[in-house]
Every structure is written in C-alpha cells, then in structure tokens.
Amino acid sequence: MKATLGSIFVILCALPPVAVRLQAQNPVSDGVRAVALRQTKNIVQAAEEMPADKYSYKPTPAQMSFGDVVAHLIKEGNNYLCSAASGMKQPDADKFAGTDPKDKLVEGLKESFKFCETALAQVQDAQLGDSIDFFGGRKVTKAVAALIPWPTGRIITARWPSTCA
C-alpha cells in the first residue's frame, strides 16, 4: 500500500512539469493564436459598432473607406494570410466589396476569423520558417503571413470609430 501511494505521489509530482512542457511546445504559434483571438474580438466589435451609414466613411479621400477595409480584411487579409501561414485552402470570398451592406460584411468578417482560428490551430513553430509565395511574387516565411493581419486591429479600432463617432 505504501509503495502504491508513493508511486502515485511521484507520478502526481511529475505531472505539472510534463504538462508545462507539453503546453510550451509551440510558444511562438501559441502567441500568434493568442494575439489573433484578442484582435478578432477588437476588429469584429469595431465592425459591429460602426453605424451602417458610416461604412462609406474615409478619413481622407485617398484612403479606403471603412467598408473597403473590412472587405480587404476578409479577402486579402484573413483568408489569404491564414491560408498561406497554414497551407489550408482559403474559402471563396471574392463576393465581398466595401459597398456591400454592413450585415454582409460583418458576417463575412466573422467567417474569415473562424477560418483563421481553424487554420492557425494547425500551425506549429517548426513550420514558421518554411518559405511560401507571397504578394508580388516574393518569397517570405509562414511566420510573416501569420503575423501580418494582427496589427490591423489597432489601426481599425483606433482610427475609424473615434473619428466617426
């Protein structure tokens, strides 16, 4: 009985370090996924809070409208970049334009973030150095494709809602 209890105690004491090692096998990818979840919430919230009549708003005439930015995030942002980072085939999203109704754009944005969540869940740190074809025929690493979309959340949540309120 003492031997069994001692063995159980040793096993239980050994589990936390093993669990920590298992969780930390992909710290960079895990970090990307954590940032992605936070930015998903921020970007979707900004898109939902923007009044529908302000989706055509441009901070300056040379800039894209808010609706154009949302459509761009769906197509060239989330779907393309998360596909490139993971190797998953991207969903067909050519049907989105900045002039589409707010409800359609918000739903498309949510779907694109769901795709990113699924795609990024498959990414391992060891794959981040793999070379992929990128915009303009350039070669970059999967890490570049995985990291590019997430600073956009700061731009959207900082620029448009504050200037349109």
Foldseek 3Di string as FASTA:
>chain_A
DVVVVVVVVVVVVPPVVVVVCVVCQFVVLVVLLVLLVVLLVLQLVLLVPDDQVQLCPDPDPVGHGNLQVLLCCLPVNQQVLLCQLQVNHGDDSPPGHSPDTSVVSSVSSNVSSVVSNVRSVRHGNVQQQPWDQDPPRDIDGSVCSSRPRRVVSVVSNVPPVVVPD
